[in-house]
Amino acid sequence: MRIYDYYKEKYPQFDWESLNHHGFHVAIMRIGLCKTHKRDGDGGLYNCEIVNNQVYGYLGTTGVQVKGYIDKEVEKEFIKSLEDGSFYKFAEECFYTRL
């Protein structure tokens, strides 16, 4: 399940339809919601998905998919930013970011 769909299902009260998918994934990568394990580098993952309760994502533009995890502290801030609307603005700005 894509990370977008996971949170859309978990928090249906937010306006998911207004988010552009590329902007969403770049924003998620920049805030570090889905992170790599230290052995694979250090940073956020792009285009994350959950398969069998395990998080996978891509190391930026490398095309290399690795296992990762959801940072619970960042997740709390992510939910707060959805509540106050700041994530939508950030994701819109990230839409114009090329990887």
PDB file of N, CA and C in Angstrom:
ATOM      1  N   MET A   1       0.842  -1.168   0.000  1.00  0.00           N
ATOM      2  CA  MET A   1       0.000   0.000   0.000  1.00  0.00           C
ATOM      3  C   MET A   1       0.895   1.241   0.000  1.00  0.00           C
ATOM      4  N   ARG A   2       0.617   2.144  -0.912  1.00  0.00           N
ATOM      5  CA  ARG A   2       1.385   3.385  -0.963  1.00  0.00           C
ATOM      6  C   ARG A   2       1.178   4.175   0.330  1.00  0.00           C
ATOM      7  N   ILE A   3       2.198   4.905   0.745  1.00  0.00           N
ATOM      8  CA  ILE A   3       2.139   5.661   1.992  1.00  0.00           C
ATOM      9  C   ILE A   3       1.004   6.688   1.942  1.00  0.00           C
ATOM     10  N   TYR A   4       0.757   7.241   0.768  1.00  0.00           N
ATOM     11  CA  TYR A   4      -0.355   8.174   0.572  1.00  0.00           C
ATOM     12  C   TYR A   4      -1.671   7.497   0.941  1.00  0.00           C
ATOM     13  N   ASP A   5      -1.896   6.310   0.414  1.00  0.00           N
ATOM     14  CA  ASP A   5      -3.138   5.573   0.680  1.00  0.00           C
ATOM     15  C   ASP A   5      -3.237   5.145   2.142  1.00  0.00           C
ATOM     16  N   TYR A   6      -2.108   4.794   2.739  1.00  0.00           N
ATOM     17  CA  TYR A   6      -2.072   4.399   4.149  1.00  0.00           C
ATOM     18  C   TYR A   6      -2.593   5.531   5.037  1.00  0.00           C
ATOM     19  N   TYR A   7      -2.063   6.730   4.832  1.00  0.00           N
ATOM     20  CA  TYR A   7      -2.486   7.860   5.661  1.00  0.00           C
ATOM     21  C   TYR A   7      -3.887   8.352   5.283  1.00  0.00           C
ATOM     22  N   LYS A   8      -4.244   8.246   4.030  1.00  0.00           N
ATOM     23  CA  LYS A   8      -5.599   8.629   3.591  1.00  0.00           C
ATOM     24  C   LYS A   8      -6.636   7.748   4.287  1.00  0.00           C
ATOM     25  N   GLU A   9      -6.327   6.468   4.406  1.00  0.00           N
ATOM     26  CA  GLU A   9      -7.230   5.526   5.078  1.00  0.00           C
ATOM     27  C   GLU A   9      -7.228   5.741   6.596  1.00  0.00           C
ATOM     28  N   LYS A  10      -6.071   6.014   7.152  1.00  0.00           N
ATOM     29  CA  LYS A  10      -5.925   6.178   8.596  1.00  0.00           C
ATOM     30  C   LYS A  10      -6.508   7.511   9.088  1.00  0.00           C
ATOM     31  N   TYR A  11      -6.420   8.555   8.264  1.00  0.00           N
ATOM     32  CA  TYR A  11      -6.887   9.895   8.628  1.00  0.00           C
ATOM     33  C   TYR A  11      -7.786  10.455   7.515  1.00  0.00           C
ATOM     34  N   PRO A  12      -8.993   9.907   7.371  1.00  0.00           N
ATOM     35  CA  PRO A  12      -9.870  10.331   6.267  1.00  0.00           C
ATOM     36  C   PRO A  12     -10.388  11.767   6.387  1.00  0.00           C
ATOM     37  N   GLN A  13     -10.236  12.385   7.537  1.00  0.00           N
ATOM     38  CA  GLN A  13     -10.763  13.737   7.745  1.00  0.00           C
ATOM     39  C   GLN A  13      -9.979  14.818   6.991  1.00  0.00           C
ATOM     40  N   PHE A  14      -8.803  14.485   6.479  1.00  0.00           N
ATOM     41  CA  PHE A  14      -7.994  15.482   5.785  1.00  0.00           C
ATOM     42  C   PHE A  14      -8.297  15.487   4.286  1.00  0.00           C
ATOM     43  N   ASP A  15      -7.958  16.591   3.634  1.00  0.00           N
ATOM     44  CA  ASP A  15      -8.243  16.793   2.215  1.00  0.00           C
ATOM     45  C   ASP A  15      -7.142  16.183   1.345  1.00  0.00           C
ATOM     46  N   TRP A  16      -7.161  14.888   1.206  1.00  0.00           N
ATOM     47  CA  TRP A  16      -6.119  14.179   0.462  1.00  0.00           C
ATOM     48  C   TRP A  16      -6.185  14.439  -1.032  1.00  0.00           C
ATOM     49  N   GLU A  17      -7.388  14.666  -1.532  1.00  0.00           N
ATOM     50  CA  GLU A  17      -7.560  14.838  -2.981  1.00  0.00           C
ATOM     51  C   GLU A  17      -6.886  16.104  -3.506  1.00  0.00           C
ATOM     52  N   SER A  18      -6.656  17.089  -2.634  1.00  0.00           N
ATOM     53  CA  SER A  18      -6.027  18.333  -3.095  1.00  0.00           C
ATOM     54  C   SER A  18      -4.509  18.203  -3.202  1.00  0.00           C
ATOM     55  N   LEU A  19      -3.948  17.098  -2.728  1.00  0.00           N
ATOM     56  CA  LEU A  19      -2.490  16.917  -2.768  1.00  0.00           C
ATOM     57  C   LEU A  19      -2.059  16.293  -4.090  1.00  0.00           C
ATOM     58  N   ASN A  20      -1.082  16.893  -4.726  1.00  0.00           N
ATOM     59  CA  ASN A  20      -0.474  16.317  -5.907  1.00  0.00           C
ATOM     60  C   ASN A  20       0.462  15.199  -5.439  1.00  0.00           C
ATOM     61  N   HIS A  21       0.441  14.058  -6.107  1.00  0.00           N
ATOM     62  CA  HIS A  21       1.224  12.911  -5.633  1.00  0.00           C
ATOM     63  C   HIS A  21       2.723  13.178  -5.621  1.00  0.00           C
ATOM     64  N   HIS A  22       3.252  13.818  -6.662  1.00  0.00           N
ATOM     65  CA  HIS A  22       4.696  14.108  -6.669  1.00  0.00           C
ATOM     66  C   HIS A  22       5.044  15.063  -5.532  1.00  0.00           C
ATOM     67  N   GLY A  23       4.260  16.120  -5.383  1.00  0.00           N
ATOM     68  CA  GLY A  23       4.498  17.080  -4.303  1.00  0.00           C
ATOM     69  C   GLY A  23       4.413  16.417  -2.939  1.00  0.00           C
ATOM     70  N   PHE A  24       3.447  15.521  -2.771  1.00  0.00           N
ATOM     71  CA  PHE A  24       3.293  14.787  -1.520  1.00  0.00           C
ATOM     72  C   PHE A  24       4.540  13.959  -1.231  1.00  0.00           C
ATOM     73  N   HIS A  25       4.994  13.194  -2.206  1.00  0.00           N
ATOM     74  CA  HIS A  25       6.141  12.300  -1.985  1.00  0.00           C
ATOM     75  C   HIS A  25       7.438  13.068  -1.742  1.00  0.00           C
ATOM     76  N   VAL A  26       7.631  14.174  -2.450  1.00  0.00           N
ATOM     77  CA  VAL A  26       8.831  14.990  -2.219  1.00  0.00           C
ATOM     78  C   VAL A  26       8.764  15.604  -0.821  1.00  0.00           C
ATOM     79  N   ALA A  27       7.585  16.100  -0.428  1.00  0.00           N
ATOM     80  CA  ALA A  27       7.428  16.692   0.908  1.00  0.00           C
ATOM     81  C   ALA A  27       7.693  15.648   1.993  1.00  0.00           C
ATOM     82  N   ILE A  28       7.171  14.442   1.816  1.00  0.00           N
ATOM     83  CA  ILE A  28       7.386  13.351   2.781  1.00  0.00           C
ATOM     84  C   ILE A  28       8.880  13.040   2.889  1.00  0.00           C
ATOM     85  N   MET A  29       9.558  13.031   1.752  1.00  0.00           N
ATOM     86  CA  MET A  29      11.001  12.763   1.747  1.00  0.00           C
ATOM     87  C   MET A  29      11.747  13.875   2.484  1.00  0.00           C
ATOM     88  N   ARG A  30      11.378  15.113   2.211  1.00  0.00           N
ATOM     89  CA  ARG A  30      12.084  16.244   2.829  1.00  0.00           C
ATOM     90  C   ARG A  30      11.881  16.325   4.339  1.00  0.00           C
ATOM     91  N   ILE A  31      10.685  15.992   4.815  1.00  0.00           N
ATOM     92  CA  ILE A  31      10.464  16.052   6.266  1.00  0.00           C
ATOM     93  C   ILE A  31      11.017  14.821   6.958  1.00  0.00           C
ATOM     94  N   GLY A  32      11.315  13.781   6.187  1.00  0.00           N
ATOM     95  CA  GLY A  32      11.905  12.569   6.756  1.00  0.00           C
ATOM     96  C   GLY A  32      10.907  11.663   7.449  1.00  0.00           C
ATOM     97  N   LEU A  33       9.669  11.612   6.937  1.00  0.00           N
ATOM     98  CA  LEU A  33       8.677  10.722   7.536  1.00  0.00           C
ATOM     99  C   LEU A  33       9.088   9.262   7.359  1.00  0.00           C
ATOM    100  N   CYS A  34       9.445   8.891   6.164  1.00  0.00           N
ATOM    101  CA  CYS A  34       9.967   7.547   5.883  1.00  0.00           C
ATOM    102  C   CYS A  34      11.482   7.686   5.785  1.00  0.00           C
ATOM    103  N   LYS A  35      12.176   7.001   6.643  1.00  0.00           N
ATOM    104  CA  LYS A  35      13.638   7.142   6.686  1.00  0.00           C
ATOM    105  C   LYS A  35      14.341   5.837   6.351  1.00  0.00           C
ATOM    106  N   THR A  36      15.573   5.994   5.907  1.00  0.00           N
ATOM    107  CA  THR A  36      16.421   4.838   5.645  1.00  0.00           C
ATOM    108  C   THR A  36      17.052   4.372   6.952  1.00  0.00           C
ATOM    109  N   HIS A  37      17.452   3.132   6.958  1.00  0.00           N
ATOM    110  CA  HIS A  37      18.263   2.648   8.070  1.00  0.00           C
ATOM    111  C   HIS A  37      19.685   3.169   7.845  1.00  0.00           C
ATOM    112  N   LYS A  38      20.440   3.345   8.878  1.00  0.00           N
ATOM    113  CA  LYS A  38      21.788   3.949   8.798  1.00  0.00           C
ATOM    114  C   LYS A  38      22.673   3.272   7.751  1.00  0.00           C
ATOM    115  N   ARG A  39      22.564   1.959   7.615  1.00  0.00           N
ATOM    116  CA  ARG A  39      23.437   1.242   6.682  1.00  0.00           C
ATOM    117  C   ARG A  39      23.187   1.632   5.226  1.00  0.00           C
ATOM    118  N   ASP A  40      21.986   2.181   4.937  1.00  0.00           N
ATOM    119  CA  ASP A  40      21.637   2.550   3.564  1.00  0.00           C
ATOM    120  C   ASP A  40      21.801   4.035   3.295  1.00  0.00           C
ATOM    121  N   GLY A  41      22.341   4.755   4.241  1.00  0.00           N
ATOM    122  CA  GLY A  41      22.482   6.194   4.102  1.00  0.00           C
ATOM    123  C   GLY A  41      21.717   6.867   5.226  1.00  0.00           C
ATOM    124  N   ASP A  42      21.506   8.126   5.086  1.00  0.00           N
ATOM    125  CA  ASP A  42      20.808   8.851   6.134  1.00  0.00           C
ATOM    126  C   ASP A  42      19.897   9.866   5.473  1.00  0.00           C
ATOM    127  N   GLY A  43      18.617   9.663   5.598  1.00  0.00           N
ATOM    128  CA  GLY A  43      17.709  10.640   5.015  1.00  0.00           C
ATOM    129  C   GLY A  43      16.355  10.060   4.726  1.00  0.00           C
ATOM    130  N   GLY A  44      15.526  10.904   4.120  1.00  0.00           N
ATOM    131  CA  GLY A  44      14.167  10.500   3.797  1.00  0.00           C
ATOM    132  C   GLY A  44      14.105   9.687   2.519  1.00  0.00           C
ATOM    133  N   LEU A  45      13.078   8.884   2.430  1.00  0.00           N
ATOM    134  CA  LEU A  45      12.857   8.050   1.255  1.00  0.00           C
ATOM    135  C   LEU A  45      11.748   8.640   0.391  1.00  0.00           C
ATOM    136  N   TYR A  46      11.850   8.437  -0.901  1.00  0.00           N
ATOM    137  CA  TYR A  46      10.868   8.914  -1.875  1.00  0.00           C
ATOM    138  C   TYR A  46       9.937   7.765  -2.265  1.00  0.00           C
ATOM    139  N   ASN A  47       8.669   8.098  -2.500  1.00  0.00           N
ATOM    140  CA  ASN A  47       7.676   7.143  -3.009  1.00  0.00           C
ATOM    141  C   ASN A  47       7.584   5.900  -2.119  1.00  0.00           C
ATOM    142  N   CYS A  48       7.322   6.111  -0.845  1.00  0.00           N
ATOM    143  CA  CYS A  48       7.274   5.018   0.133  1.00  0.00           C
ATOM    144  C   CYS A  48       6.014   4.182  -0.012  1.00  0.00           C
ATOM    145  N   GLU A  49       6.140   2.937   0.375  1.00  0.00           N
ATOM    146  CA  GLU A  49       4.989   2.035   0.420  1.00  0.00           C
ATOM    147  C   GLU A  49       5.167   1.076   1.580  1.00  0.00           C
ATOM    148  N   ILE A  50       4.058   0.502   1.999  1.00  0.00           N
ATOM    149  CA  ILE A  50       4.074  -0.469   3.094  1.00  0.00           C
ATOM    150  C   ILE A  50       3.656  -1.814   2.528  1.00  0.00           C
ATOM    151  N   VAL A  51       4.532  -2.791   2.698  1.00  0.00           N
ATOM    152  CA  VAL A  51       4.279  -4.151   2.219  1.00  0.00           C
ATOM    153  C   VAL A  51       4.526  -5.097   3.380  1.00  0.00           C
ATOM    154  N   ASN A  52       3.517  -5.857   3.756  1.00  0.00           N
ATOM    155  CA  ASN A  52       3.627  -6.788   4.876  1.00  0.00           C
ATOM    156  C   ASN A  52       4.179  -6.102   6.134  1.00  0.00           C
ATOM    157  N   ASN A  53       3.619  -4.961   6.457  1.00  0.00           N
ATOM    158  CA  ASN A  53       4.013  -4.170   7.636  1.00  0.00           C
ATOM    159  C   ASN A  53       5.456  -3.692   7.612  1.00  0.00           C
ATOM    160  N   GLN A  54       6.073  -3.660   6.447  1.00  0.00           N
ATOM    161  CA  GLN A  54       7.441  -3.158   6.294  1.00  0.00           C
ATOM    162  C   GLN A  54       7.424  -1.975   5.335  1.00  0.00           C
ATOM    163  N   VAL A  55       8.163  -0.929   5.670  1.00  0.00           N
ATOM    164  CA  VAL A  55       8.233   0.271   4.841  1.00  0.00           C
ATOM    165  C   VAL A  55       9.369   0.131   3.831  1.00  0.00           C
ATOM    166  N   TYR A  56       9.087   0.478   2.578  1.00  0.00           N
ATOM    167  CA  TYR A  56      10.078   0.505   1.513  1.00  0.00           C
ATOM    168  C   TYR A  56       9.999   1.855   0.825  1.00  0.00           C
ATOM    169  N   GLY A  57      11.104   2.319   0.328  1.00  0.00           N
ATOM    170  CA  GLY A  57      11.120   3.571  -0.410  1.00  0.00           C
ATOM    171  C   GLY A  57      12.382   3.664  -1.239  1.00  0.00           C
ATOM    172  N   TYR A  58      12.453   4.707  -2.036  1.00  0.00           N
ATOM    173  CA  TYR A  58      13.579   4.891  -2.950  1.00  0.00           C
ATOM    174  C   TYR A  58      14.548   5.943  -2.430  1.00  0.00           C
ATOM    175  N   LEU A  59      15.818   5.689  -2.654  1.00  0.00           N
ATOM    176  CA  LEU A  59      16.877   6.628  -2.285  1.00  0.00           C
ATOM    177  C   LEU A  59      16.930   7.725  -3.347  1.00  0.00           C
ATOM    178  N   GLY A  60      16.089   8.714  -3.211  1.00  0.00           N
ATOM    179  CA  GLY A  60      16.037   9.831  -4.155  1.00  0.00           C
ATOM    180  C   GLY A  60      15.851   9.375  -5.579  1.00  0.00           C
ATOM    181  N   THR A  61      16.722   9.820  -6.461  1.00  0.00           N
ATOM    182  CA  THR A  61      16.605   9.495  -7.883  1.00  0.00           C
ATOM    183  C   THR A  61      17.435   8.281  -8.288  1.00  0.00           C
ATOM    184  N   THR A  62      18.006   7.576  -7.331  1.00  0.00           N
ATOM    185  CA  THR A  62      18.890   6.456  -7.664  1.00  0.00           C
ATOM    186  C   THR A  62      18.139   5.271  -8.248  1.00  0.00           C
ATOM    187  N   GLY A  63      16.840   5.159  -7.949  1.00  0.00           N
ATOM    188  CA  GLY A  63      16.092   3.999  -8.396  1.00  0.00           C
ATOM    189  C   GLY A  63      16.318   2.788  -7.512  1.00  0.00           C
ATOM    190  N   VAL A  64      17.091   2.963  -6.446  1.00  0.00           N
ATOM    191  CA  VAL A  64      17.390   1.872  -5.529  1.00  0.00           C
ATOM    192  C   VAL A  64      16.336   1.871  -4.413  1.00  0.00           C
ATOM    193  N   GLN A  65      15.613   0.755  -4.318  1.00  0.00           N
ATOM    194  CA  GLN A  65      14.600   0.635  -3.272  1.00  0.00           C
ATOM    195  C   GLN A  65      15.203  -0.068  -2.060  1.00  0.00           C
ATOM    196  N   VAL A  66      14.947   0.502  -0.872  1.00  0.00           N
ATOM    197  CA  VAL A  66      15.488  -0.049   0.367  1.00  0.00           C
ATOM    198  C   VAL A  66      14.399  -0.112   1.425  1.00  0.00           C
ATOM    199  N   LYS A  67      14.658  -0.919   2.445  1.00  0.00           N
ATOM    200  CA  LYS A  67      13.770  -0.958   3.599  1.00  0.00           C
ATOM    201  C   LYS A  67      13.991   0.291   4.428  1.00  0.00           C
ATOM    202  N   GLY A  68      12.940   0.746   5.041  1.00  0.00           N
ATOM    203  CA  GLY A  68      13.042   1.910   5.905  1.00  0.00           C
ATOM    204  C   GLY A  68      12.084   1.776   7.069  1.00  0.00           C
ATOM    205  N   TYR A  69      11.742   2.903   7.641  1.00  0.00           N
ATOM    206  CA  TYR A  69      10.808   2.920   8.762  1.00  0.00           C
ATOM    207  C   TYR A  69      10.133   4.284   8.832  1.00  0.00           C
ATOM    208  N   ILE A  70       9.000   4.343   9.514  1.00  0.00           N
ATOM    209  CA  ILE A  70       8.307   5.597   9.735  1.00  0.00           C
ATOM    210  C   ILE A  70       8.802   6.179  11.048  1.00  0.00           C
ATOM    211  N   ASP A  71       9.322   7.389  10.978  1.00  0.00           N
ATOM    212  CA  ASP A  71       9.803   8.083  12.166  1.00  0.00           C
ATOM    213  C   ASP A  71       8.580   8.597  12.933  1.00  0.00           C
ATOM    214  N   LYS A  72       8.340   8.049  14.098  1.00  0.00           N
ATOM    215  CA  LYS A  72       7.133   8.360  14.872  1.00  0.00           C
ATOM    216  C   LYS A  72       7.082   9.814  15.336  1.00  0.00           C
ATOM    217  N   GLU A  73       8.217  10.417  15.633  1.00  0.00           N
ATOM    218  CA  GLU A  73       8.228  11.831  16.028  1.00  0.00           C
ATOM    219  C   GLU A  73       7.875  12.726  14.842  1.00  0.00           C
ATOM    220  N   VAL A  74       8.422  12.395  13.678  1.00  0.00           N
ATOM    221  CA  VAL A  74       8.108  13.157  12.475  1.00  0.00           C
ATOM    222  C   VAL A  74       6.641  12.942  12.107  1.00  0.00           C
ATOM    223  N   GLU A  75       6.143  11.732  12.320  1.00  0.00           N
ATOM    224  CA  GLU A  75       4.739  11.441  12.019  1.00  0.00           C
ATOM    225  C   GLU A  75       3.808  12.349  12.828  1.00  0.00           C
ATOM    226  N   LYS A  76       4.128  12.577  14.089  1.00  0.00           N
ATOM    227  CA  LYS A  76       3.307  13.466  14.928  1.00  0.00           C
ATOM    228  C   LYS A  76       3.278  14.875  14.335  1.00  0.00           C
ATOM    229  N   GLU A  77       4.435  15.358  13.909  1.00  0.00           N
ATOM    230  CA  GLU A  77       4.514  16.693  13.306  1.00  0.00           C
ATOM    231  C   GLU A  77       3.791  16.732  11.962  1.00  0.00           C
ATOM    232  N   PHE A  78       3.877  15.651  11.206  1.00  0.00           N
ATOM    233  CA  PHE A  78       3.187  15.540   9.924  1.00  0.00           C
ATOM    234  C   PHE A  78       1.679  15.679  10.129  1.00  0.00           C
ATOM    235  N   ILE A  79       1.137  14.973  11.102  1.00  0.00           N
ATOM    236  CA  ILE A  79      -0.302  15.038  11.378  1.00  0.00           C
ATOM    237  C   ILE A  79      -0.689  16.448  11.825  1.00  0.00           C
ATOM    238  N   LYS A  80       0.122  17.062  12.668  1.00  0.00           N
ATOM    239  CA  LYS A  80      -0.149  18.452  13.092  1.00  0.00           C
ATOM    240  C   LYS A  80      -0.154  19.392  11.891  1.00  0.00           C
ATOM    241  N   SER A  81       0.778  19.179  10.956  1.00  0.00           N
ATOM    242  CA  SER A  81       0.845  20.052   9.782  1.00  0.00           C
ATOM    243  C   SER A  81      -0.347  19.841   8.847  1.00  0.00           C
ATOM    244  N   LEU A  82      -0.916  18.639   8.842  1.00  0.00           N
ATOM    245  CA  LEU A  82      -2.152  18.413   8.090  1.00  0.00           C
ATOM    246  C   LEU A  82      -3.308  19.146   8.768  1.00  0.00           C
ATOM    247  N   GLU A  83      -3.325  19.097  10.091  1.00  0.00           N
ATOM    248  CA  GLU A  83      -4.387  19.760  10.851  1.00  0.00           C
ATOM    249  C   GLU A  83      -4.378  21.266  10.652  1.00  0.00           C
ATOM    250  N   ASP A  84      -3.186  21.870  10.680  1.00  0.00           N
ATOM    251  CA  ASP A  84      -3.123  23.334  10.565  1.00  0.00           C
ATOM    252  C   ASP A  84      -3.007  23.812   9.109  1.00  0.00           C
ATOM    253  N   GLY A  85      -2.907  22.878   8.172  1.00  0.00           N
ATOM    254  CA  GLY A  85      -2.889  23.220   6.753  1.00  0.00           C
ATOM    255  C   GLY A  85      -1.519  23.533   6.176  1.00  0.00           C
ATOM    256  N   SER A  86      -0.488  23.582   7.006  1.00  0.00           N
ATOM    257  CA  SER A  86       0.837  23.957   6.502  1.00  0.00           C
ATOM    258  C   SER A  86       1.440  22.888   5.581  1.00  0.00           C
ATOM    259  N   PHE A  87       1.068  21.619   5.765  1.00  0.00           N
ATOM    260  CA  PHE A  87       1.621  20.577   4.902  1.00  0.00           C
ATOM    261  C   PHE A  87       1.161  20.751   3.457  1.00  0.00           C
ATOM    262  N   TYR A  88      -0.080  21.177   3.269  1.00  0.00           N
ATOM    263  CA  TYR A  88      -0.608  21.352   1.914  1.00  0.00           C
ATOM    264  C   TYR A  88       0.200  22.401   1.147  1.00  0.00           C
ATOM    265  N   LYS A  89       0.528  23.490   1.813  1.00  0.00           N
ATOM    266  CA  LYS A  89       1.324  24.544   1.183  1.00  0.00           C
ATOM    267  C   LYS A  89       2.735  24.024   0.871  1.00  0.00           C
ATOM    268  N   PHE A  90       3.325  23.315   1.825  1.00  0.00           N
ATOM    269  CA  PHE A  90       4.666  22.761   1.621  1.00  0.00           C
ATOM    270  C   PHE A  90       4.674  21.765   0.466  1.00  0.00           C
ATOM    271  N   ALA A  91       3.669  20.888   0.411  1.00  0.00           N
ATOM    272  CA  ALA A  91       3.592  19.898  -0.672  1.00  0.00           C
ATOM    273  C   ALA A  91       3.409  20.574  -2.023  1.00  0.00           C
ATOM    274  N   GLU A  92       2.663  21.674  -2.046  1.00  0.00           N
ATOM    275  CA  GLU A  92       2.490  22.410  -3.294  1.00  0.00           C
ATOM    276  C   GLU A  92       3.824  22.991  -3.762  1.00  0.00           C
ATOM    277  N   GLU A  93       4.604  23.527  -2.831  1.00  0.00           N
ATOM    278  CA  GLU A  93       5.929  24.045  -3.168  1.00  0.00           C
ATOM    279  C   GLU A  93       6.837  22.915  -3.658  1.00  0.00           C
ATOM    280  N   CYS A  94       6.721  21.751  -3.036  1.00  0.00           N
ATOM    281  CA  CYS A  94       7.564  20.603  -3.400  1.00  0.00           C
ATOM    282  C   CYS A  94       7.203  20.034  -4.766  1.00  0.00           C
ATOM    283  N   PHE A  95       5.985  20.297  -5.232  1.00  0.00           N
ATOM    284  CA  PHE A  95       5.553  19.818  -6.539  1.00  0.00           C
ATOM    285  C   PHE A  95       6.517  20.289  -7.632  1.00  0.00           C
ATOM    286  N   TYR A  96       7.064  21.478  -7.467  1.00  0.00           N
ATOM    287  CA  TYR A  96       7.936  22.057  -8.483  1.00  0.00           C
ATOM    288  C   TYR A  96       9.389  21.619  -8.333  1.00  0.00           C
ATOM    289  N   THR A  97       9.670  20.750  -7.390  1.00  0.00           N
ATOM    290  CA  THR A  97      11.020  20.246  -7.159  1.00  0.00           C
ATOM    291  C   THR A  97      11.300  19.057  -8.059  1.00  0.00           C
ATOM    292  N   ARG A  98      12.379  19.135  -8.768  1.00  0.00           N
ATOM    293  CA  ARG A  98      12.805  18.000  -9.591  1.00  0.00           C
ATOM    294  C   ARG A  98      13.811  17.203  -8.791  1.00  0.00           C
ATOM    295  N   LEU A  99      13.671  15.923  -8.854  1.00  0.00           N
ATOM    296  CA  LEU A  99      14.623  15.050  -8.149  1.00  0.00           C
ATOM    297  C   LEU A  99      15.780  14.692  -9.041  1.00  0.00           C
TER     298      LEU A  99
END
